Structure formats: structure tokens, C-alpha cells
Amino acid sequence: MKIAIADIKFDEHGLVPAIVQDAANGEVLMLGFMNNEAYAKTISVGYVTFYSRTRNELWTKGETSGNRLKVVSASTDCDRDTLLFRVEVEGAGVVCHEGTRSCFTKEISLAGAA
């Protein structure tokens, strides 16, 4: 079943979370938010574009660094309120602004967790 933009459930702020995953190895690289315009641009151009909640503007990942995220496939979860983009990372392969491959590098201690 193909999902149209009208089928995506954007939240009350007009946003939807978008997970970015490496198409080659399944590693989760980052999470951002998209509004309708960012989603449409991502689909039409083929590179992941987010909506910055702090700057209130669109930004295409890698515009300045060259580490762009080329979309290989896109899907949504069963509730259609979260997006998943499988990508090829172009450039040096660095995705996080801290210089790492993935934004998910800060391990949480589970000691004492029930």
C-alpha cells in the first residue's frame, strides 16, 4: 500500500518525527522533524530535508558539510505518525554535528532500572 502525504498524521504543530537509518547496515543515524513542506521536498529532491523547530525553517542535511542523506526508501509506521527514511550517506559519512557517524552515541546507564 502506497501512502500519500494526505495520509500522514502530522501532530498539532504540523510536524512528524522522521527517523533516518543507514540503508546498508540498518544503523539508526538521527531523528528530526518534518512539516508538510520538508516532507514534500525530501520526496521530490531525494535528499532528507527537516524542519528546524528552533530556527523555524527548512534545512537539508549536509548542505554545508557535504554529508548529505540520499533517500533510498521511505516508509511510515502503522499509525502513519512517524516516518522512516533509509539513506545512503554521501561525503565523509559523518551525520552528527558532533562529528560522529550517528547522533545516538550517548549511552544511558541502566543501573538501578526496575
PDB file of N, CA and C in Angstrom:
ATOM      1  N   MET A   1       0.838  -1.178   0.000  1.00  0.00           N
ATOM      2  CA  MET A   1       0.000   0.000   0.000  1.00  0.00           C
ATOM      3  C   MET A   1       0.889   1.250   0.000  1.00  0.00           C
ATOM      4  N   LYS A   2       0.686   2.109  -0.936  1.00  0.00           N
ATOM      5  CA  LYS A   2       1.434   3.360  -1.019  1.00  0.00           C
ATOM      6  C   LYS A   2       0.713   4.424  -0.200  1.00  0.00           C
ATOM      7  N   ILE A   3       1.493   5.192   0.556  1.00  0.00           N
ATOM      8  CA  ILE A   3       0.950   6.238   1.416  1.00  0.00           C
ATOM      9  C   ILE A   3       1.142   7.596   0.752  1.00  0.00           C
ATOM     10  N   ALA A   4       0.086   8.374   0.679  1.00  0.00           N
ATOM     11  CA  ALA A   4       0.160   9.743   0.143  1.00  0.00           C
ATOM     12  C   ALA A   4       0.410  10.710   1.294  1.00  0.00           C
ATOM     13  N   ILE A   5       0.886  11.884   0.975  1.00  0.00           N
ATOM     14  CA  ILE A   5       1.161  12.887   2.008  1.00  0.00           C
ATOM     15  C   ILE A   5      -0.094  13.190   2.835  1.00  0.00           C
ATOM     16  N   ALA A   6      -1.246  13.118   2.232  1.00  0.00           N
ATOM     17  CA  ALA A   6      -2.500  13.379   2.943  1.00  0.00           C
ATOM     18  C   ALA A   6      -2.787  12.306   3.994  1.00  0.00           C
ATOM     19  N   ASP A   7      -2.146  11.134   3.863  1.00  0.00           N
ATOM     20  CA  ASP A   7      -2.357  10.038   4.811  1.00  0.00           C
ATOM     21  C   ASP A   7      -1.461  10.131   6.045  1.00  0.00           C
ATOM     22  N   ILE A   8      -0.445  10.974   6.001  1.00  0.00           N
ATOM     23  CA  ILE A   8       0.482  11.104   7.123  1.00  0.00           C
ATOM     24  C   ILE A   8      -0.163  11.954   8.208  1.00  0.00           C
ATOM     25  N   LYS A   9      -0.050  11.506   9.439  1.00  0.00           N
ATOM     26  CA  LYS A   9      -0.666  12.201  10.570  1.00  0.00           C
ATOM     27  C   LYS A   9       0.347  13.140  11.224  1.00  0.00           C
ATOM     28  N   PHE A  10       0.383  14.370  10.754  1.00  0.00           N
ATOM     29  CA  PHE A  10       1.208  15.396  11.364  1.00  0.00           C
ATOM     30  C   PHE A  10       0.566  15.782  12.701  1.00  0.00           C
ATOM     31  N   ASP A  11       1.387  16.152  13.694  1.00  0.00           N
ATOM     32  CA  ASP A  11       0.847  16.494  15.009  1.00  0.00           C
ATOM     33  C   ASP A  11       0.188  17.870  15.013  1.00  0.00           C
ATOM     34  N   GLU A  12      -0.213  18.329  16.185  1.00  0.00           N
ATOM     35  CA  GLU A  12      -0.926  19.605  16.306  1.00  0.00           C
ATOM     36  C   GLU A  12      -0.078  20.808  15.907  1.00  0.00           C
ATOM     37  N   HIS A  13       1.247  20.605  15.812  1.00  0.00           N
ATOM     38  CA  HIS A  13       2.152  21.671  15.366  1.00  0.00           C
ATOM     39  C   HIS A  13       2.515  21.518  13.886  1.00  0.00           C
ATOM     40  N   GLY A  14       1.886  20.542  13.227  1.00  0.00           N
ATOM     41  CA  GLY A  14       2.158  20.304  11.812  1.00  0.00           C
ATOM     42  C   GLY A  14       3.448  19.544  11.557  1.00  0.00           C
ATOM     43  N   LEU A  15       3.916  18.795  12.559  1.00  0.00           N
ATOM     44  CA  LEU A  15       5.194  18.077  12.450  1.00  0.00           C
ATOM     45  C   LEU A  15       5.007  16.576  12.601  1.00  0.00           C
ATOM     46  N   VAL A  16       5.980  15.845  12.068  1.00  0.00           N
ATOM     47  CA  VAL A  16       6.026  14.399  12.215  1.00  0.00           C
ATOM     48  C   VAL A  16       7.488  14.012  12.430  1.00  0.00           C
ATOM     49  N   PRO A  17       7.776  13.104  13.388  1.00  0.00           N
ATOM     50  CA  PRO A  17       9.155  12.662  13.569  1.00  0.00           C
ATOM     51  C   PRO A  17       9.617  11.854  12.354  1.00  0.00           C
ATOM     52  N   ALA A  18      10.888  12.033  12.000  1.00  0.00           N
ATOM     53  CA  ALA A  18      11.462  11.311  10.861  1.00  0.00           C
ATOM     54  C   ALA A  18      12.774  10.663  11.286  1.00  0.00           C
ATOM     55  N   ILE A  19      12.783   9.357  11.314  1.00  0.00           N
ATOM     56  CA  ILE A  19      13.964   8.585  11.673  1.00  0.00           C
ATOM     57  C   ILE A  19      14.783   8.354  10.410  1.00  0.00           C
ATOM     58  N   VAL A  20      16.101   8.496  10.543  1.00  0.00           N
ATOM     59  CA  VAL A  20      16.999   8.262   9.412  1.00  0.00           C
ATOM     60  C   VAL A  20      17.865   7.055   9.740  1.00  0.00           C
ATOM     61  N   GLN A  21      17.843   6.070   8.829  1.00  0.00           N
ATOM     62  CA  GLN A  21      18.539   4.804   9.028  1.00  0.00           C
ATOM     63  C   GLN A  21      19.451   4.530   7.844  1.00  0.00           C
ATOM     64  N   ASP A  22      20.644   4.020   8.109  1.00  0.00           N
ATOM     65  CA  ASP A  22      21.571   3.637   7.046  1.00  0.00           C
ATOM     66  C   ASP A  22      20.970   2.457   6.282  1.00  0.00           C
ATOM     67  N   ALA A  23      20.805   2.617   4.992  1.00  0.00           N
ATOM     68  CA  ALA A  23      20.194   1.564   4.169  1.00  0.00           C
ATOM     69  C   ALA A  23      21.081   0.325   4.082  1.00  0.00           C
ATOM     70  N   ALA A  24      22.389   0.490   4.207  1.00  0.00           N
ATOM     71  CA  ALA A  24      23.312  -0.628   4.050  1.00  0.00           C
ATOM     72  C   ALA A  24      23.374  -1.531   5.277  1.00  0.00           C
ATOM     73  N   ASN A  25      23.364  -0.926   6.489  1.00  0.00           N
ATOM     74  CA  ASN A  25      23.567  -1.758   7.678  1.00  0.00           C
ATOM     75  C   ASN A  25      22.485  -1.623   8.753  1.00  0.00           C
ATOM     76  N   GLY A  26      21.488  -0.765   8.533  1.00  0.00           N
ATOM     77  CA  GLY A  26      20.380  -0.629   9.473  1.00  0.00           C
ATOM     78  C   GLY A  26      20.644   0.270  10.661  1.00  0.00           C
ATOM     79  N   GLU A  27      21.836   0.864  10.747  1.00  0.00           N
ATOM     80  CA  GLU A  27      22.157   1.736  11.875  1.00  0.00           C
ATOM     81  C   GLU A  27      21.241   2.961  11.874  1.00  0.00           C
ATOM     82  N   VAL A  28      20.682   3.286  13.039  1.00  0.00           N
ATOM     83  CA  VAL A  28      19.881   4.493  13.180  1.00  0.00           C
ATOM     84  C   VAL A  28      20.848   5.664  13.293  1.00  0.00           C
ATOM     85  N   LEU A  29      20.724   6.624  12.384  1.00  0.00           N
ATOM     86  CA  LEU A  29      21.669   7.727  12.313  1.00  0.00           C
ATOM     87  C   LEU A  29      21.199   8.980  13.030  1.00  0.00           C
ATOM     88  N   MET A  30      19.936   9.306  12.875  1.00  0.00           N
ATOM     89  CA  MET A  30      19.425  10.523  13.518  1.00  0.00           C
ATOM     90  C   MET A  30      17.910  10.531  13.483  1.00  0.00           C
ATOM     91  N   LEU A  31      17.367  11.499  14.202  1.00  0.00           N
ATOM     92  CA  LEU A  31      15.935  11.742  14.221  1.00  0.00           C
ATOM     93  C   LEU A  31      15.744  13.244  14.061  1.00  0.00           C
ATOM     94  N   GLY A  32      14.839  13.618  13.204  1.00  0.00           N
ATOM     95  CA  GLY A  32      14.498  15.021  13.026  1.00  0.00           C
ATOM     96  C   GLY A  32      12.999  15.137  12.862  1.00  0.00           C
ATOM     97  N   PHE A  33      12.541  16.335  12.586  1.00  0.00           N
ATOM     98  CA  PHE A  33      11.115  16.561  12.385  1.00  0.00           C
ATOM     99  C   PHE A  33      10.874  17.143  11.001  1.00  0.00           C
ATOM    100  N   MET A  34       9.759  16.780  10.429  1.00  0.00           N
ATOM    101  CA  MET A  34       9.371  17.295   9.119  1.00  0.00           C
ATOM    102  C   MET A  34       7.990  17.916   9.222  1.00  0.00           C
ATOM    103  N   ASN A  35       7.824  19.017   8.513  1.00  0.00           N
ATOM    104  CA  ASN A  35       6.480  19.525   8.284  1.00  0.00           C
ATOM    105  C   ASN A  35       6.099  19.090   6.868  1.00  0.00           C
ATOM    106  N   ASN A  36       4.949  19.495   6.419  1.00  0.00           N
ATOM    107  CA  ASN A  36       4.467  19.111   5.095  1.00  0.00           C
ATOM    108  C   ASN A  36       5.459  19.518   4.005  1.00  0.00           C
ATOM    109  N   GLU A  37       6.004  20.717   4.108  1.00  0.00           N
ATOM    110  CA  GLU A  37       6.924  21.234   3.095  1.00  0.00           C
ATOM    111  C   GLU A  37       8.250  20.462   3.078  1.00  0.00           C
ATOM    112  N   ALA A  38       8.783  20.144   4.261  1.00  0.00           N
ATOM    113  CA  ALA A  38      10.038  19.389   4.349  1.00  0.00           C
ATOM    114  C   ALA A  38       9.852  17.989   3.780  1.00  0.00           C
ATOM    115  N   TYR A  39       8.721  17.367   4.097  1.00  0.00           N
ATOM    116  CA  TYR A  39       8.428  16.042   3.563  1.00  0.00           C
ATOM    117  C   TYR A  39       8.341  16.086   2.038  1.00  0.00           C
ATOM    118  N   ALA A  40       7.596  17.039   1.515  1.00  0.00           N
ATOM    119  CA  ALA A  40       7.435  17.154   0.057  1.00  0.00           C
ATOM    120  C   ALA A  40       8.775  17.393  -0.634  1.00  0.00           C
ATOM    121  N   LYS A  41       9.621  18.228  -0.042  1.00  0.00           N
ATOM    122  CA  LYS A  41      10.939  18.498  -0.632  1.00  0.00           C
ATOM    123  C   LYS A  41      11.809  17.250  -0.591  1.00  0.00           C
ATOM    124  N   THR A  42      11.771  16.526   0.519  1.00  0.00           N
ATOM    125  CA  THR A  42      12.543  15.288   0.639  1.00  0.00           C
ATOM    126  C   THR A  42      12.162  14.312  -0.465  1.00  0.00           C
ATOM    127  N   ILE A  43      10.879  14.144  -0.674  1.00  0.00           N
ATOM    128  CA  ILE A  43      10.394  13.198  -1.690  1.00  0.00           C
ATOM    129  C   ILE A  43      10.740  13.687  -3.096  1.00  0.00           C
ATOM    130  N   SER A  44      10.595  14.972  -3.364  1.00  0.00           N
ATOM    131  CA  SER A  44      10.824  15.482  -4.719  1.00  0.00           C
ATOM    132  C   SER A  44      12.306  15.585  -5.070  1.00  0.00           C
ATOM    133  N   VAL A  45      13.148  15.960  -4.107  1.00  0.00           N
ATOM    134  CA  VAL A  45      14.576  16.159  -4.387  1.00  0.00           C
ATOM    135  C   VAL A  45      15.386  14.881  -4.155  1.00  0.00           C
ATOM    136  N   GLY A  46      14.931  14.044  -3.224  1.00  0.00           N
ATOM    137  CA  GLY A  46      15.624  12.788  -2.959  1.00  0.00           C
ATOM    138  C   GLY A  46      16.686  12.873  -1.876  1.00  0.00           C
ATOM    139  N   TYR A  47      16.740  13.986  -1.157  1.00  0.00           N
ATOM    140  CA  TYR A  47      17.657  14.157  -0.031  1.00  0.00           C
ATOM    141  C   TYR A  47      16.854  14.599   1.182  1.00  0.00           C
ATOM    142  N   VAL A  48      17.219  14.082   2.363  1.00  0.00           N
ATOM    143  CA  VAL A  48      16.453  14.361   3.574  1.00  0.00           C
ATOM    144  C   VAL A  48      16.509  15.847   3.936  1.00  0.00           C
ATOM    145  N   THR A  49      15.324  16.423   4.080  1.00  0.00           N
ATOM    146  CA  THR A  49      15.156  17.811   4.498  1.00  0.00           C
ATOM    147  C   THR A  49      14.280  17.822   5.740  1.00  0.00           C
ATOM    148  N   PHE A  50      14.723  18.529   6.758  1.00  0.00           N
ATOM    149  CA  PHE A  50      13.983  18.622   8.008  1.00  0.00           C
ATOM    150  C   PHE A  50      13.414  20.021   8.189  1.00  0.00           C
ATOM    151  N   TYR A  51      12.550  20.124   9.179  1.00  0.00           N
ATOM    152  CA  TYR A  51      12.079  21.423   9.636  1.00  0.00           C
ATOM    153  C   TYR A  51      12.743  21.681  10.981  1.00  0.00           C
ATOM    154  N   SER A  52      13.476  22.772  11.099  1.00  0.00           N
ATOM    155  CA  SER A  52      14.126  23.134  12.356  1.00  0.00           C
ATOM    156  C   SER A  52      13.116  23.824  13.259  1.00  0.00           C
ATOM    157  N   ARG A  53      12.847  23.217  14.394  1.00  0.00           N
ATOM    158  CA  ARG A  53      11.900  23.803  15.351  1.00  0.00           C
ATOM    159  C   ARG A  53      12.497  25.030  16.033  1.00  0.00           C
ATOM    160  N   THR A  54      13.808  25.102  16.156  1.00  0.00           N
ATOM    161  CA  THR A  54      14.430  26.247  16.818  1.00  0.00           C
ATOM    162  C   THR A  54      14.599  27.431  15.878  1.00  0.00           C
ATOM    163  N   ARG A  55      14.905  27.145  14.605  1.00  0.00           N
ATOM    164  CA  ARG A  55      15.099  28.233  13.636  1.00  0.00           C
ATOM    165  C   ARG A  55      13.844  28.513  12.806  1.00  0.00           C
ATOM    166  N   ASN A  56      12.841  27.655  12.921  1.00  0.00           N
ATOM    167  CA  ASN A  56      11.603  27.787  12.156  1.00  0.00           C
ATOM    168  C   ASN A  56      11.856  27.876  10.652  1.00  0.00           C
ATOM    169  N   GLU A  57      12.697  26.959  10.157  1.00  0.00           N
ATOM    170  CA  GLU A  57      12.992  26.938   8.728  1.00  0.00           C
ATOM    171  C   GLU A  57      13.378  25.534   8.287  1.00  0.00           C
ATOM    172  N   LEU A  58      13.313  25.319   6.987  1.00  0.00           N
ATOM    173  CA  LEU A  58      13.747  24.047   6.428  1.00  0.00           C
ATOM    174  C   LEU A  58      15.262  23.991   6.381  1.00  0.00           C
ATOM    175  N   TRP A  59      15.812  22.790   6.510  1.00  0.00           N
ATOM    176  CA  TRP A  59      17.245  22.600   6.298  1.00  0.00           C
ATOM    177  C   TRP A  59      17.480  21.205   5.740  1.00  0.00           C
ATOM    178  N   THR A  60      18.261  21.151   4.693  1.00  0.00           N
ATOM    179  CA  THR A  60      18.604  19.878   4.076  1.00  0.00           C
ATOM    180  C   THR A  60      19.910  19.410   4.698  1.00  0.00           C
ATOM    181  N   LYS A  61      19.866  18.249   5.305  1.00  0.00           N
ATOM    182  CA  LYS A  61      21.037  17.703   5.988  1.00  0.00           C
ATOM    183  C   LYS A  61      22.204  17.616   5.013  1.00  0.00           C
ATOM    184  N   GLY A  62      23.346  18.186   5.416  1.00  0.00           N
ATOM    185  CA  GLY A  62      24.557  18.119   4.611  1.00  0.00           C
ATOM    186  C   GLY A  62      24.751  19.240   3.621  1.00  0.00           C
ATOM    187  N   GLU A  63      23.874  20.236   3.642  1.00  0.00           N
ATOM    188  CA  GLU A  63      24.003  21.368   2.708  1.00  0.00           C
ATOM    189  C   GLU A  63      25.375  22.020   2.800  1.00  0.00           C
ATOM    190  N   THR A  64      25.858  22.201   4.014  1.00  0.00           N
ATOM    191  CA  THR A  64      27.149  22.879   4.176  1.00  0.00           C
ATOM    192  C   THR A  64      28.298  21.891   4.347  1.00  0.00           C
ATOM    193  N   SER A  65      28.051  20.748   4.983  1.00  0.00           N
ATOM    194  CA  SER A  65      29.123  19.786   5.258  1.00  0.00           C
ATOM    195  C   SER A  65      29.409  18.852   4.083  1.00  0.00           C
ATOM    196  N   GLY A  66      28.426  18.661   3.212  1.00  0.00           N
ATOM    197  CA  GLY A  66      28.579  17.698   2.123  1.00  0.00           C
ATOM    198  C   GLY A  66      28.173  16.284   2.517  1.00  0.00           C
ATOM    199  N   ASN A  67      27.844  16.079   3.780  1.00  0.00           N
ATOM    200  CA  ASN A  67      27.420  14.759   4.255  1.00  0.00           C
ATOM    201  C   ASN A  67      25.906  14.623   4.110  1.00  0.00           C
ATOM    202  N   ARG A  68      25.478  14.577   2.862  1.00  0.00           N
ATOM    203  CA  ARG A  68      24.046  14.558   2.575  1.00  0.00           C
ATOM    204  C   ARG A  68      23.474  13.156   2.741  1.00  0.00           C
ATOM    205  N   LEU A  69      22.160  13.108   2.944  1.00  0.00           N
ATOM    206  CA  LEU A  69      21.456  11.852   3.156  1.00  0.00           C
ATOM    207  C   LEU A  69      20.559  11.574   1.954  1.00  0.00           C
ATOM    208  N   LYS A  70      21.028  10.714   1.070  1.00  0.00           N
ATOM    209  CA  LYS A  70      20.289  10.374  -0.149  1.00  0.00           C
ATOM    210  C   LYS A  70      19.255   9.295   0.169  1.00  0.00           C
ATOM    211  N   VAL A  71      18.004   9.596  -0.105  1.00  0.00           N
ATOM    212  CA  VAL A  71      16.908   8.686   0.223  1.00  0.00           C
ATOM    213  C   VAL A  71      16.923   7.473  -0.711  1.00  0.00           C
ATOM    214  N   VAL A  72      16.925   6.295  -0.093  1.00  0.00           N
ATOM    215  CA  VAL A  72      16.841   5.030  -0.813  1.00  0.00           C
ATOM    216  C   VAL A  72      15.407   4.507  -0.760  1.00  0.00           C
ATOM    217  N   SER A  73      14.778   4.650   0.412  1.00  0.00           N
ATOM    218  CA  SER A  73      13.375   4.247   0.560  1.00  0.00           C
ATOM    219  C   SER A  73      12.762   5.033   1.706  1.00  0.00           C
ATOM    220  N   ALA A  74      11.445   5.092   1.701  1.00  0.00           N
ATOM    221  CA  ALA A  74      10.703   5.800   2.742  1.00  0.00           C
ATOM    222  C   ALA A  74       9.491   4.969   3.137  1.00  0.00           C
ATOM    223  N   SER A  75       9.199   4.970   4.426  1.00  0.00           N
ATOM    224  CA  SER A  75       8.015   4.256   4.908  1.00  0.00           C
ATOM    225  C   SER A  75       7.491   4.966   6.145  1.00  0.00           C
ATOM    226  N   THR A  76       6.350   4.523   6.599  1.00  0.00           N
ATOM    227  CA  THR A  76       5.739   5.067   7.799  1.00  0.00           C
ATOM    228  C   THR A  76       5.362   3.919   8.719  1.00  0.00           C
ATOM    229  N   ASP A  77       5.163   4.226   9.972  1.00  0.00           N
ATOM    230  CA  ASP A  77       4.731   3.193  10.903  1.00  0.00           C
ATOM    231  C   ASP A  77       3.243   2.913  10.703  1.00  0.00           C
ATOM    232  N   CYS A  78       2.733   1.947  11.444  1.00  0.00           N
ATOM    233  CA  CYS A  78       1.342   1.522  11.264  1.00  0.00           C
ATOM    234  C   CYS A  78       0.332   2.617  11.569  1.00  0.00           C
ATOM    235  N   ASP A  79       0.690   3.555  12.447  1.00  0.00           N
ATOM    236  CA  ASP A  79      -0.214   4.663  12.785  1.00  0.00           C
ATOM    237  C   ASP A  79      -0.056   5.852  11.844  1.00  0.00           C
ATOM    238  N   ARG A  80       0.930   5.802  10.969  1.00  0.00           N
ATOM    239  CA  ARG A  80       1.239   6.861  10.000  1.00  0.00           C
ATOM    240  C   ARG A  80       1.601   8.189  10.683  1.00  0.00           C
ATOM    241  N   ASP A  81       2.207   8.091  11.901  1.00  0.00           N
ATOM    242  CA  ASP A  81       2.603   9.307  12.604  1.00  0.00           C
ATOM    243  C   ASP A  81       4.110   9.393  12.863  1.00  0.00           C
ATOM    244  N   THR A  82       4.863   8.521  12.233  1.00  0.00           N
ATOM    245  CA  THR A  82       6.325   8.543  12.280  1.00  0.00           C
ATOM    246  C   THR A  82       6.838   8.049  10.935  1.00  0.00           C
ATOM    247  N   LEU A  83       7.872   8.728  10.430  1.00  0.00           N
ATOM    248  CA  LEU A  83       8.449   8.365   9.137  1.00  0.00           C
ATOM    249  C   LEU A  83       9.802   7.697   9.330  1.00  0.00           C
ATOM    250  N   LEU A  84      10.156   6.829   8.404  1.00  0.00           N
ATOM    251  CA  LEU A  84      11.462   6.174   8.388  1.00  0.00           C
ATOM    252  C   LEU A  84      12.052   6.335   6.997  1.00  0.00           C
ATOM    253  N   PHE A  85      13.235   6.941   6.951  1.00  0.00           N
ATOM    254  CA  PHE A  85      13.957   7.096   5.689  1.00  0.00           C
ATOM    255  C   PHE A  85      15.215   6.256   5.744  1.00  0.00           C
ATOM    256  N   ARG A  86      15.354   5.346   4.798  1.00  0.00           N
ATOM    257  CA  ARG A  86      16.590   4.587   4.651  1.00  0.00           C
ATOM    258  C   ARG A  86      17.430   5.354   3.642  1.00  0.00           C
ATOM    259  N   VAL A  87      18.688   5.587   4.000  1.00  0.00           N
ATOM    260  CA  VAL A  87      19.516   6.506   3.216  1.00  0.00           C
ATOM    261  C   VAL A  87      20.900   5.945   2.930  1.00  0.00           C
ATOM    262  N   GLU A  88      21.536   6.563   1.937  1.00  0.00           N
ATOM    263  CA  GLU A  88      22.966   6.412   1.713  1.00  0.00           C
ATOM    264  C   GLU A  88      23.583   7.736   2.160  1.00  0.00           C
ATOM    265  N   VAL A  89      24.621   7.660   2.995  1.00  0.00           N
ATOM    266  CA  VAL A  89      25.282   8.869   3.463  1.00  0.00           C
ATOM    267  C   VAL A  89      26.367   9.247   2.460  1.00  0.00           C
ATOM    268  N   GLU A  90      26.275  10.439   1.931  1.00  0.00           N
ATOM    269  CA  GLU A  90      27.276  10.935   0.998  1.00  0.00           C
ATOM    270  C   GLU A  90      28.325  11.747   1.754  1.00  0.00           C
ATOM    271  N   GLY A  91      29.473  11.939   1.153  1.00  0.00           N
ATOM    272  CA  GLY A  91      30.538  12.716   1.786  1.00  0.00           C
ATOM    273  C   GLY A  91      31.396  11.836   2.661  1.00  0.00           C
ATOM    274  N   ALA A  92      31.834  12.388   3.779  1.00  0.00           N
ATOM    275  CA  ALA A  92      32.748  11.692   4.690  1.00  0.00           C
ATOM    276  C   ALA A  92      32.038  10.667   5.572  1.00  0.00           C
ATOM    277  N   GLY A  93      30.720  10.600   5.507  1.00  0.00           N
ATOM    278  CA  GLY A  93      29.974   9.631   6.298  1.00  0.00           C
ATOM    279  C   GLY A  93      29.636  10.082   7.702  1.00  0.00           C
ATOM    280  N   VAL A  94      29.898  11.341   7.998  1.00  0.00           N
ATOM    281  CA  VAL A  94      29.589  11.904   9.314  1.00  0.00           C
ATOM    282  C   VAL A  94      28.175  12.481   9.257  1.00  0.00           C
ATOM    283  N   VAL A  95      27.343  12.079  10.190  1.00  0.00           N
ATOM    284  CA  VAL A  95      25.965  12.560  10.197  1.00  0.00           C
ATOM    285  C   VAL A  95      25.726  13.571  11.317  1.00  0.00           C
ATOM    286  N   CYS A  96      26.256  13.294  12.494  1.00  0.00           N
ATOM    287  CA  CYS A  96      26.015  14.163  13.652  1.00  0.00           C
ATOM    288  C   CYS A  96      26.878  15.419  13.601  1.00  0.00           C
ATOM    289  N   HIS A  97      26.323  16.524  14.084  1.00  0.00           N
ATOM    290  CA  HIS A  97      27.071  17.783  14.144  1.00  0.00           C
ATOM    291  C   HIS A  97      28.257  17.701  15.111  1.00  0.00           C
ATOM    292  N   GLU A  98      28.286  16.645  15.945  1.00  0.00           N
ATOM    293  CA  GLU A  98      29.415  16.446  16.855  1.00  0.00           C
ATOM    294  C   GLU A  98      30.544  15.645  16.204  1.00  0.00           C
ATOM    295  N   GLY A  99      30.401  15.320  14.911  1.00  0.00           N
ATOM    296  CA  GLY A  99      31.459  14.643  14.177  1.00  0.00           C
ATOM    297  C   GLY A  99      31.435  13.135  14.210  1.00  0.00           C
ATOM    298  N   THR A 100      30.304  12.554  14.595  1.00  0.00           N
ATOM    299  CA  THR A 100      30.183  11.102  14.640  1.00  0.00           C
ATOM    300  C   THR A 100      29.253  10.597  13.541  1.00  0.00           C
ATOM    301  N   ARG A 101      29.324   9.321  13.277  1.00  0.00           N
ATOM    302  CA  ARG A 101      28.504   8.690  12.242  1.00  0.00           C
ATOM    303  C   ARG A 101      27.012   8.788  12.588  1.00  0.00           C
ATOM    304  N   SER A 102      26.684   8.579  13.849  1.00  0.00           N
ATOM    305  CA  SER A 102      25.300   8.588  14.315  1.00  0.00           C
ATOM    306  C   SER A 102      25.140   9.626  15.422  1.00  0.00           C
ATOM    307  N   CYS A 103      23.947  10.160  15.547  1.00  0.00           N
ATOM    308  CA  CYS A 103      23.652  11.071  16.654  1.00  0.00           C
ATOM    309  C   CYS A 103      23.421  10.308  17.955  1.00  0.00           C
ATOM    310  N   PHE A 104      23.250   9.005  17.866  1.00  0.00           N
ATOM    311  CA  PHE A 104      22.936   8.194  19.044  1.00  0.00           C
ATOM    312  C   PHE A 104      24.205   7.564  19.607  1.00  0.00           C
ATOM    313  N   THR A 105      24.977   8.370  20.325  1.00  0.00           N
ATOM    314  CA  THR A 105      26.260   7.906  20.871  1.00  0.00           C
ATOM    315  C   THR A 105      26.356   8.045  22.386  1.00  0.00           C
ATOM    316  N   LYS A 106      25.374   8.631  22.999  1.00  0.00           N
ATOM    317  CA  LYS A 106      25.408   8.879  24.453  1.00  0.00           C
ATOM    318  C   LYS A 106      24.667   7.742  25.173  1.00  0.00           C
ATOM    319  N   GLU A 107      25.439   6.797  25.702  1.00  0.00           N
ATOM    320  CA  GLU A 107      24.847   5.641  26.355  1.00  0.00           C
ATOM    321  C   GLU A 107      24.218   6.026  27.685  1.00  0.00           C
ATOM    322  N   ILE A 108      23.051   5.488  27.949  1.00  0.00           N
ATOM    323  CA  ILE A 108      22.332   5.742  29.199  1.00  0.00           C
ATOM    324  C   ILE A 108      22.581   4.599  30.150  1.00  0.00           C
ATOM    325  N   SER A 109      22.924   4.918  31.391  1.00  0.00           N
ATOM    326  CA  SER A 109      23.139   3.896  32.399  1.00  0.00           C
ATOM    327  C   SER A 109      21.797   3.267  32.770  1.00  0.00           C
ATOM    328  N   LEU A 110      21.780   1.953  32.769  1.00  0.00           N
ATOM    329  CA  LEU A 110      20.576   1.236  33.167  1.00  0.00           C
ATOM    330  C   LEU A 110      20.695   0.679  34.578  1.00  0.00           C
ATOM    331  N   ALA A 111      21.767   1.032  35.265  1.00  0.00           N
ATOM    332  CA  ALA A 111      21.971   0.567  36.642  1.00  0.00           C
ATOM    333  C   ALA A 111      20.829   1.061  37.513  1.00  0.00           C
ATOM    334  N   GLY A 112      20.233   0.163  38.227  1.00  0.00           N
ATOM    335  CA  GLY A 112      19.151   0.536  39.131  1.00  0.00           C
ATOM    336  C   GLY A 112      17.802   0.648  38.465  1.00  0.00           C
ATOM    337  N   ALA A 113      17.756   0.408  37.178  1.00  0.00           N
ATOM    338  CA  ALA A 113      16.469   0.467  36.481  1.00  0.00           C
ATOM    339  C   ALA A 113      15.624  -0.722  36.890  1.00  0.00           C
ATOM    340  N   ALA A 114      14.358  -0.493  37.123  1.00  0.00           N
ATOM    341  CA  ALA A 114      13.456  -1.574  37.538  1.00  0.00           C
ATOM    342  C   ALA A 114      12.996  -2.377  36.363  1.00  0.00           C
TER     343      ALA A 114
END
